[in-house]
Amino acid sequence: MKKNTPPAVDKLAYEEALSELESVVEALENSQPTLEESLALYERRQALALHCAALLDQAEQRVRRLSEVEPDLDAAQEDEV
């Protein structure tokens, strides 16, 4: 029987990657995997963490670009308050 291979990390949405990251960390903390399983989980954890960080960086850059494009909108909203 073939083991289910997890999806490629770079194909996961942020929420999917974060959920899997939490599951992997829990598996490392609460189970007793073999050395090989531990190494595979650790490698997957690293890949997921890097992917989540990259997606957050991309989101932050998008917000900054939007803020630069429409700075007058922010000022107008502050004036209304």
PDB file of N, CA and C in Angstrom:
ATOM      1  N   MET A   1       0.832  -1.188   0.000  1.00  0.00           N
ATOM      2  CA  MET A   1       0.000   0.000   0.000  1.00  0.00           C
ATOM      3  C   MET A   1       0.873   1.246   0.000  1.00  0.00           C
ATOM      4  N   LYS A   2       0.499   2.217  -0.795  1.00  0.00           N
ATOM      5  CA  LYS A   2       1.265   3.443  -0.923  1.00  0.00           C
ATOM      6  C   LYS A   2       0.861   4.461   0.135  1.00  0.00           C
ATOM      7  N   LYS A   3       1.833   5.129   0.721  1.00  0.00           N
ATOM      8  CA  LYS A   3       1.535   6.200   1.671  1.00  0.00           C
ATOM      9  C   LYS A   3       1.068   7.426   0.906  1.00  0.00           C
ATOM     10  N   ASN A   4       0.147   8.166   1.529  1.00  0.00           N
ATOM     11  CA  ASN A   4      -0.284   9.432   0.924  1.00  0.00           C
ATOM     12  C   ASN A   4       0.858  10.426   1.013  1.00  0.00           C
ATOM     13  N   THR A   5       1.222  10.979  -0.108  1.00  0.00           N
ATOM     14  CA  THR A   5       2.257  11.992  -0.089  1.00  0.00           C
ATOM     15  C   THR A   5       1.591  13.349   0.120  1.00  0.00           C
ATOM     16  N   PRO A   6       2.149  14.146   1.006  1.00  0.00           N
ATOM     17  CA  PRO A   6       1.562  15.465   1.256  1.00  0.00           C
ATOM     18  C   PRO A   6       1.711  16.355   0.019  1.00  0.00           C
ATOM     19  N   PRO A   7       0.823  17.323  -0.117  1.00  0.00           N
ATOM     20  CA  PRO A   7       0.926  18.214  -1.273  1.00  0.00           C
ATOM     21  C   PRO A   7       2.216  19.025  -1.224  1.00  0.00           C
ATOM     22  N   ALA A   8       2.640  19.466  -2.379  1.00  0.00           N
ATOM     23  CA  ALA A   8       3.841  20.311  -2.446  1.00  0.00           C
ATOM     24  C   ALA A   8       3.603  21.577  -1.626  1.00  0.00           C
ATOM     25  N   VAL A   9       4.574  21.923  -0.816  1.00  0.00           N
ATOM     26  CA  VAL A   9       4.446  23.066   0.084  1.00  0.00           C
ATOM     27  C   VAL A   9       4.137  24.346  -0.687  1.00  0.00           C
ATOM     28  N   ASP A  10       4.793  24.540  -1.819  1.00  0.00           N
ATOM     29  CA  ASP A  10       4.614  25.784  -2.562  1.00  0.00           C
ATOM     30  C   ASP A  10       3.238  25.911  -3.208  1.00  0.00           C
ATOM     31  N   LYS A  11       2.437  24.848  -3.173  1.00  0.00           N
ATOM     32  CA  LYS A  11       1.081  24.883  -3.732  1.00  0.00           C
ATOM     33  C   LYS A  11       0.036  25.206  -2.665  1.00  0.00           C
ATOM     34  N   LEU A  12       0.450  25.227  -1.392  1.00  0.00           N
ATOM     35  CA  LEU A  12      -0.484  25.434  -0.296  1.00  0.00           C
ATOM     36  C   LEU A  12      -0.789  26.910  -0.080  1.00  0.00           C
ATOM     37  N   ALA A  13      -2.042  27.199   0.220  1.00  0.00           N
ATOM     38  CA  ALA A  13      -2.421  28.543   0.661  1.00  0.00           C
ATOM     39  C   ALA A  13      -1.877  28.741   2.073  1.00  0.00           C
ATOM     40  N   TYR A  14      -1.815  29.976   2.504  1.00  0.00           N
ATOM     41  CA  TYR A  14      -1.269  30.275   3.828  1.00  0.00           C
ATOM     42  C   TYR A  14      -1.984  29.476   4.921  1.00  0.00           C
ATOM     43  N   GLU A  15      -3.302  29.497   4.897  1.00  0.00           N
ATOM     44  CA  GLU A  15      -4.081  28.833   5.938  1.00  0.00           C
ATOM     45  C   GLU A  15      -3.830  27.323   5.949  1.00  0.00           C
ATOM     46  N   GLU A  16      -3.704  26.737   4.768  1.00  0.00           N
ATOM     47  CA  GLU A  16      -3.422  25.305   4.676  1.00  0.00           C
ATOM     48  C   GLU A  16      -2.029  24.989   5.227  1.00  0.00           C
ATOM     49  N   ALA A  17      -1.066  25.802   4.860  1.00  0.00           N
ATOM     50  CA  ALA A  17       0.314  25.579   5.315  1.00  0.00           C
ATOM     51  C   ALA A  17       0.418  25.756   6.823  1.00  0.00           C
ATOM     52  N   LEU A  18      -0.249  26.762   7.356  1.00  0.00           N
ATOM     53  CA  LEU A  18      -0.201  27.002   8.797  1.00  0.00           C
ATOM     54  C   LEU A  18      -0.859  25.857   9.556  1.00  0.00           C
ATOM     55  N   SER A  19      -1.982  25.368   9.056  1.00  0.00           N
ATOM     56  CA  SER A  19      -2.662  24.250   9.699  1.00  0.00           C
ATOM     57  C   SER A  19      -1.785  23.000   9.695  1.00  0.00           C
ATOM     58  N   GLU A  20      -1.162  22.724   8.559  1.00  0.00           N
ATOM     59  CA  GLU A  20      -0.282  21.562   8.493  1.00  0.00           C
ATOM     60  C   GLU A  20       0.937  21.754   9.381  1.00  0.00           C
ATOM     61  N   LEU A  21       1.461  22.963   9.426  1.00  0.00           N
ATOM     62  CA  LEU A  21       2.606  23.260  10.290  1.00  0.00           C
ATOM     63  C   LEU A  21       2.258  22.963  11.748  1.00  0.00           C
ATOM     64  N   GLU A  22       1.078  23.388  12.169  1.00  0.00           N
ATOM     65  CA  GLU A  22       0.642  23.112  13.544  1.00  0.00           C
ATOM     66  C   GLU A  22       0.529  21.614  13.797  1.00  0.00           C
ATOM     67  N   SER A  23       0.024  20.878  12.812  1.00  0.00           N
ATOM     68  CA  SER A  23      -0.101  19.419  12.946  1.00  0.00           C
ATOM     69  C   SER A  23       1.264  18.739  13.040  1.00  0.00           C
ATOM     70  N   VAL A  24       2.192  19.212  12.240  1.00  0.00           N
ATOM     71  CA  VAL A  24       3.541  18.631  12.252  1.00  0.00           C
ATOM     72  C   VAL A  24       4.219  18.892  13.596  1.00  0.00           C
ATOM     73  N   VAL A  25       4.097  20.109  14.093  1.00  0.00           N
ATOM     74  CA  VAL A  25       4.702  20.438  15.394  1.00  0.00           C
ATOM     75  C   VAL A  25       4.080  19.575  16.492  1.00  0.00           C
ATOM     76  N   GLU A  26       2.763  19.423  16.443  1.00  0.00           N
ATOM     77  CA  GLU A  26       2.092  18.582  17.432  1.00  0.00           C
ATOM     78  C   GLU A  26       2.582  17.137  17.343  1.00  0.00           C
ATOM     79  N   ALA A  27       2.742  16.629  16.132  1.00  0.00           N
ATOM     80  CA  ALA A  27       3.230  15.259  15.951  1.00  0.00           C
ATOM     81  C   ALA A  27       4.642  15.104  16.512  1.00  0.00           C
ATOM     82  N   LEU A  28       5.469  16.099  16.311  1.00  0.00           N
ATOM     83  CA  LEU A  28       6.835  16.035  16.836  1.00  0.00           C
ATOM     84  C   LEU A  28       6.846  16.086  18.367  1.00  0.00           C
ATOM     85  N   GLU A  29       5.929  16.866  18.936  1.00  0.00           N
ATOM     86  CA  GLU A  29       5.908  17.031  20.391  1.00  0.00           C
ATOM     87  C   GLU A  29       5.198  15.895  21.126  1.00  0.00           C
ATOM     88  N   ASN A  30       4.155  15.340  20.522  1.00  0.00           N
ATOM     89  CA  ASN A  30       3.290  14.423  21.262  1.00  0.00           C
ATOM     90  C   ASN A  30       3.394  12.957  20.875  1.00  0.00           C
ATOM     91  N   SER A  31       4.047  12.666  19.787  1.00  0.00           N
ATOM     92  CA  SER A  31       4.180  11.260  19.399  1.00  0.00           C
ATOM     93  C   SER A  31       5.631  10.828  19.554  1.00  0.00           C
ATOM     94  N   GLN A  32       5.863   9.591  19.288  1.00  0.00           N
ATOM     95  CA  GLN A  32       7.226   9.068  19.376  1.00  0.00           C
ATOM     96  C   GLN A  32       7.625   8.505  18.018  1.00  0.00           C
ATOM     97  N   PRO A  33       7.860   9.411  17.066  1.00  0.00           N
ATOM     98  CA  PRO A  33       8.240   8.932  15.733  1.00  0.00           C
ATOM     99  C   PRO A  33       9.647   8.343  15.744  1.00  0.00           C
ATOM    100  N   THR A  34       9.889   7.523  14.752  1.00  0.00           N
ATOM    101  CA  THR A  34      11.245   6.982  14.589  1.00  0.00           C
ATOM    102  C   THR A  34      12.171   8.138  14.202  1.00  0.00           C
ATOM    103  N   LEU A  35      13.442   7.861  14.196  1.00  0.00           N
ATOM    104  CA  LEU A  35      14.411   8.884  13.810  1.00  0.00           C
ATOM    105  C   LEU A  35      14.136   9.375  12.395  1.00  0.00           C
ATOM    106  N   GLU A  36      13.907   8.447  11.475  1.00  0.00           N
ATOM    107  CA  GLU A  36      13.631   8.827  10.076  1.00  0.00           C
ATOM    108  C   GLU A  36      12.353   9.651   9.973  1.00  0.00           C
ATOM    109  N   GLU A  37      11.317   9.237  10.693  1.00  0.00           N
ATOM    110  CA  GLU A  37      10.057   9.994  10.693  1.00  0.00           C
ATOM    111  C   GLU A  37      10.264  11.384  11.287  1.00  0.00           C
ATOM    112  N   SER A  38      11.040  11.461  12.348  1.00  0.00           N
ATOM    113  CA  SER A  38      11.334  12.752  12.977  1.00  0.00           C
ATOM    114  C   SER A  38      12.049  13.685  12.010  1.00  0.00           C
ATOM    115  N   LEU A  39      13.017  13.136  11.295  1.00  0.00           N
ATOM    116  CA  LEU A  39      13.755  13.950  10.327  1.00  0.00           C
ATOM    117  C   LEU A  39      12.836  14.433   9.201  1.00  0.00           C
ATOM    118  N   ALA A  40      11.974  13.546   8.716  1.00  0.00           N
ATOM    119  CA  ALA A  40      11.039  13.926   7.654  1.00  0.00           C
ATOM    120  C   ALA A  40      10.069  14.996   8.154  1.00  0.00           C
ATOM    121  N   LEU A  41       9.563  14.836   9.371  1.00  0.00           N
ATOM    122  CA  LEU A  41       8.659  15.843   9.949  1.00  0.00           C
ATOM    123  C   LEU A  41       9.377  17.174  10.139  1.00  0.00           C
ATOM    124  N   TYR A  42      10.624  17.108  10.603  1.00  0.00           N
ATOM    125  CA  TYR A  42      11.396  18.332  10.800  1.00  0.00           C
ATOM    126  C   TYR A  42      11.630  19.050   9.471  1.00  0.00           C
ATOM    127  N   GLU A  43      11.966  18.298   8.439  1.00  0.00           N
ATOM    128  CA  GLU A  43      12.172  18.905   7.116  1.00  0.00           C
ATOM    129  C   GLU A  43      10.879  19.529   6.597  1.00  0.00           C
ATOM    130  N   ARG A  44       9.761  18.840   6.790  1.00  0.00           N
ATOM    131  CA  ARG A  44       8.465  19.372   6.356  1.00  0.00           C
ATOM    132  C   ARG A  44       8.134  20.637   7.147  1.00  0.00           C
ATOM    133  N   ARG A  45       8.421  20.615   8.455  1.00  0.00           N
ATOM    134  CA  ARG A  45       8.177  21.790   9.304  1.00  0.00           C
ATOM    135  C   ARG A  45       8.963  22.988   8.801  1.00  0.00           C
ATOM    136  N   GLN A  46      10.215  22.769   8.477  1.00  0.00           N
ATOM    137  CA  GLN A  46      11.060  23.855   7.969  1.00  0.00           C
ATOM    138  C   GLN A  46      10.484  24.428   6.669  1.00  0.00           C
ATOM    139  N   ALA A  47      10.108  23.546   5.761  1.00  0.00           N
ATOM    140  CA  ALA A  47       9.571  23.990   4.474  1.00  0.00           C
ATOM    141  C   ALA A  47       8.268  24.762   4.669  1.00  0.00           C
ATOM    142  N   LEU A  48       7.406  24.261   5.540  1.00  0.00           N
ATOM    143  CA  LEU A  48       6.136  24.941   5.800  1.00  0.00           C
ATOM    144  C   LEU A  48       6.354  26.302   6.449  1.00  0.00           C
ATOM    145  N   ALA A  49       7.268  26.372   7.412  1.00  0.00           N
ATOM    146  CA  ALA A  49       7.549  27.635   8.093  1.00  0.00           C
ATOM    147  C   ALA A  49       8.099  28.677   7.108  1.00  0.00           C
ATOM    148  N   LEU A  50       9.007  28.262   6.243  1.00  0.00           N
ATOM    149  CA  LEU A  50       9.561  29.175   5.242  1.00  0.00           C
ATOM    150  C   LEU A  50       8.484  29.641   4.262  1.00  0.00           C
ATOM    151  N   HIS A  51       7.604  28.725   3.871  1.00  0.00           N
ATOM    152  CA  HIS A  51       6.522  29.064   2.945  1.00  0.00           C
ATOM    153  C   HIS A  51       5.565  30.067   3.590  1.00  0.00           C
ATOM    154  N   CYS A  52       5.189  29.823   4.841  1.00  0.00           N
ATOM    155  CA  CYS A  52       4.302  30.761   5.549  1.00  0.00           C
ATOM    156  C   CYS A  52       4.951  32.140   5.661  1.00  0.00           C
ATOM    157  N   ALA A  53       6.216  32.177   6.004  1.00  0.00           N
ATOM    158  CA  ALA A  53       6.922  33.457   6.126  1.00  0.00           C
ATOM    159  C   ALA A  53       6.964  34.182   4.784  1.00  0.00           C
ATOM    160  N   ALA A  54       7.198  33.451   3.706  1.00  0.00           N
ATOM    161  CA  ALA A  54       7.239  34.066   2.378  1.00  0.00           C
ATOM    162  C   ALA A  54       5.873  34.621   1.987  1.00  0.00           C
ATOM    163  N   LEU A  55       4.812  33.868   2.285  1.00  0.00           N
ATOM    164  CA  LEU A  55       3.465  34.355   1.968  1.00  0.00           C
ATOM    165  C   LEU A  55       3.117  35.598   2.778  1.00  0.00           C
ATOM    166  N   LEU A  56       3.532  35.631   4.034  1.00  0.00           N
ATOM    167  CA  LEU A  56       3.294  36.824   4.856  1.00  0.00           C
ATOM    168  C   LEU A  56       4.074  38.024   4.321  1.00  0.00           C
ATOM    169  N   ASP A  57       5.303  37.792   3.891  1.00  0.00           N
ATOM    170  CA  ASP A  57       6.104  38.868   3.298  1.00  0.00           C
ATOM    171  C   ASP A  57       5.439  39.414   2.037  1.00  0.00           C
ATOM    172  N   GLN A  58       4.923  38.511   1.203  1.00  0.00           N
ATOM    173  CA  GLN A  58       4.236  38.941  -0.019  1.00  0.00           C
ATOM    174  C   GLN A  58       3.004  39.775   0.313  1.00  0.00           C
ATOM    175  N   ALA A  59       2.245  39.350   1.309  1.00  0.00           N
ATOM    176  CA  ALA A  59       1.048  40.086   1.711  1.00  0.00           C
ATOM    177  C   ALA A  59       1.422  41.472   2.237  1.00  0.00           C
ATOM    178  N   GLU A  60       2.488  41.534   3.025  1.00  0.00           N
ATOM    179  CA  GLU A  60       2.945  42.816   3.564  1.00  0.00           C
ATOM    180  C   GLU A  60       3.377  43.756   2.434  1.00  0.00           C
ATOM    181  N   GLN A  61       4.074  43.224   1.450  1.00  0.00           N
ATOM    182  CA  GLN A  61       4.499  44.043   0.311  1.00  0.00           C
ATOM    183  C   GLN A  61       3.303  44.566  -0.465  1.00  0.00           C
ATOM    184  N   ARG A  62       2.282  43.736  -0.631  1.00  0.00           N
ATOM    185  CA  ARG A  62       1.067  44.174  -1.338  1.00  0.00           C
ATOM    186  C   ARG A  62       0.388  45.321  -0.584  1.00  0.00           C
ATOM    187  N   VAL A  63       0.307  45.189   0.736  1.00  0.00           N
ATOM    188  CA  VAL A  63      -0.317  46.235   1.541  1.00  0.00           C
ATOM    189  C   VAL A  63       0.487  47.526   1.433  1.00  0.00           C
ATOM    190  N   ARG A  64       1.800  47.412   1.476  1.00  0.00           N
ATOM    191  CA  ARG A  64       2.642  48.611   1.345  1.00  0.00           C
ATOM    192  C   ARG A  64       2.463  49.269  -0.017  1.00  0.00           C
ATOM    193  N   ARG A  65       2.419  48.460  -1.073  1.00  0.00           N
ATOM    194  CA  ARG A  65       2.214  49.024  -2.414  1.00  0.00           C
ATOM    195  C   ARG A  65       0.861  49.723  -2.507  1.00  0.00           C
ATOM    196  N   LEU A  66      -0.158  49.114  -1.959  1.00  0.00           N
ATOM    197  CA  LEU A  66      -1.481  49.726  -1.980  1.00  0.00           C
ATOM    198  C   LEU A  66      -1.498  51.020  -1.178  1.00  0.00           C
ATOM    199  N   SER A  67      -0.788  51.043  -0.074  1.00  0.00           N
ATOM    200  CA  SER A  67      -0.722  52.245   0.753  1.00  0.00           C
ATOM    201  C   SER A  67       0.015  53.366   0.039  1.00  0.00           C
ATOM    202  N   GLU A  68       1.023  53.011  -0.739  1.00  0.00           N
ATOM    203  CA  GLU A  68       1.785  54.018  -1.481  1.00  0.00           C
ATOM    204  C   GLU A  68       0.981  54.570  -2.655  1.00  0.00           C
ATOM    205  N   VAL A  69       0.177  53.723  -3.273  1.00  0.00           N
ATOM    206  CA  VAL A  69      -0.593  54.126  -4.442  1.00  0.00           C
ATOM    207  C   VAL A  69      -1.719  55.066  -4.051  1.00  0.00           C
ATOM    208  N   GLU A  70      -2.339  54.816  -2.915  1.00  0.00           N
ATOM    209  CA  GLU A  70      -3.480  55.623  -2.519  1.00  0.00           C
ATOM    210  C   GLU A  70      -3.293  56.231  -1.133  1.00  0.00           C
ATOM    211  N   PRO A  71      -2.253  57.036  -0.925  1.00  0.00           N
ATOM    212  CA  PRO A  71      -2.062  57.633   0.399  1.00  0.00           C
ATOM    213  C   PRO A  71      -3.142  58.663   0.719  1.00  0.00           C
ATOM    214  N   ASP A  72      -3.708  59.297  -0.309  1.00  0.00           N
ATOM    215  CA  ASP A  72      -4.740  60.294  -0.078  1.00  0.00           C
ATOM    216  C   ASP A  72      -5.989  59.668   0.513  1.00  0.00           C
ATOM    217  N   LEU A  73      -6.256  58.421   0.197  1.00  0.00           N
ATOM    218  CA  LEU A  73      -7.418  57.723   0.717  1.00  0.00           C
ATOM    219  C   LEU A  73      -7.308  57.568   2.227  1.00  0.00           C
ATOM    220  N   ASP A  74      -6.111  57.219   2.722  1.00  0.00           N
ATOM    221  CA  ASP A  74      -5.905  57.095   4.163  1.00  0.00           C
ATOM    222  C   ASP A  74      -6.116  58.421   4.859  1.00  0.00           C
ATOM    223  N   ALA A  75      -5.606  59.498   4.294  1.00  0.00           N
ATOM    224  CA  ALA A  75      -5.739  60.817   4.887  1.00  0.00           C
ATOM    225  C   ALA A  75      -7.197  61.254   4.884  1.00  0.00           C
ATOM    226  N   ALA A  76      -7.922  60.950   3.836  1.00  0.00           N
ATOM    227  CA  ALA A  76      -9.334  61.321   3.744  1.00  0.00           C
ATOM    228  C   ALA A  76     -10.138  60.578   4.801  1.00  0.00           C
ATOM    229  N   GLN A  77      -9.821  59.336   5.048  1.00  0.00           N
ATOM    230  CA  GLN A  77     -10.539  58.560   6.056  1.00  0.00           C
ATOM    231  C   GLN A  77     -10.258  59.109   7.448  1.00  0.00           C
ATOM    232  N   GLU A  78      -9.039  59.527   7.706  1.00  0.00           N
ATOM    233  CA  GLU A  78      -8.689  60.100   9.000  1.00  0.00           C
ATOM    234  C   GLU A  78      -9.426  61.421   9.218  1.00  0.00           C
ATOM    235  N   ASP A  79      -9.584  62.227   8.165  1.00  0.00           N
ATOM    236  CA  ASP A  79     -10.281  63.502   8.264  1.00  0.00           C
ATOM    237  C   ASP A  79     -11.749  63.315   8.602  1.00  0.00           C
ATOM    238  N   GLU A  80     -12.341  62.206   8.154  1.00  0.00           N
ATOM    239  CA  GLU A  80     -13.757  61.942   8.394  1.00  0.00           C
ATOM    240  C   GLU A  80     -14.033  61.561   9.841  1.00  0.00           C
ATOM    241  N   VAL A  81     -13.023  61.051  10.533  1.00  0.00           N
ATOM    242  CA  VAL A  81     -13.209  60.568  11.910  1.00  0.00           C
ATOM    243  C   VAL A  81     -13.237  61.677  12.875  1.00  0.00           C
TER     244      VAL A  81
END
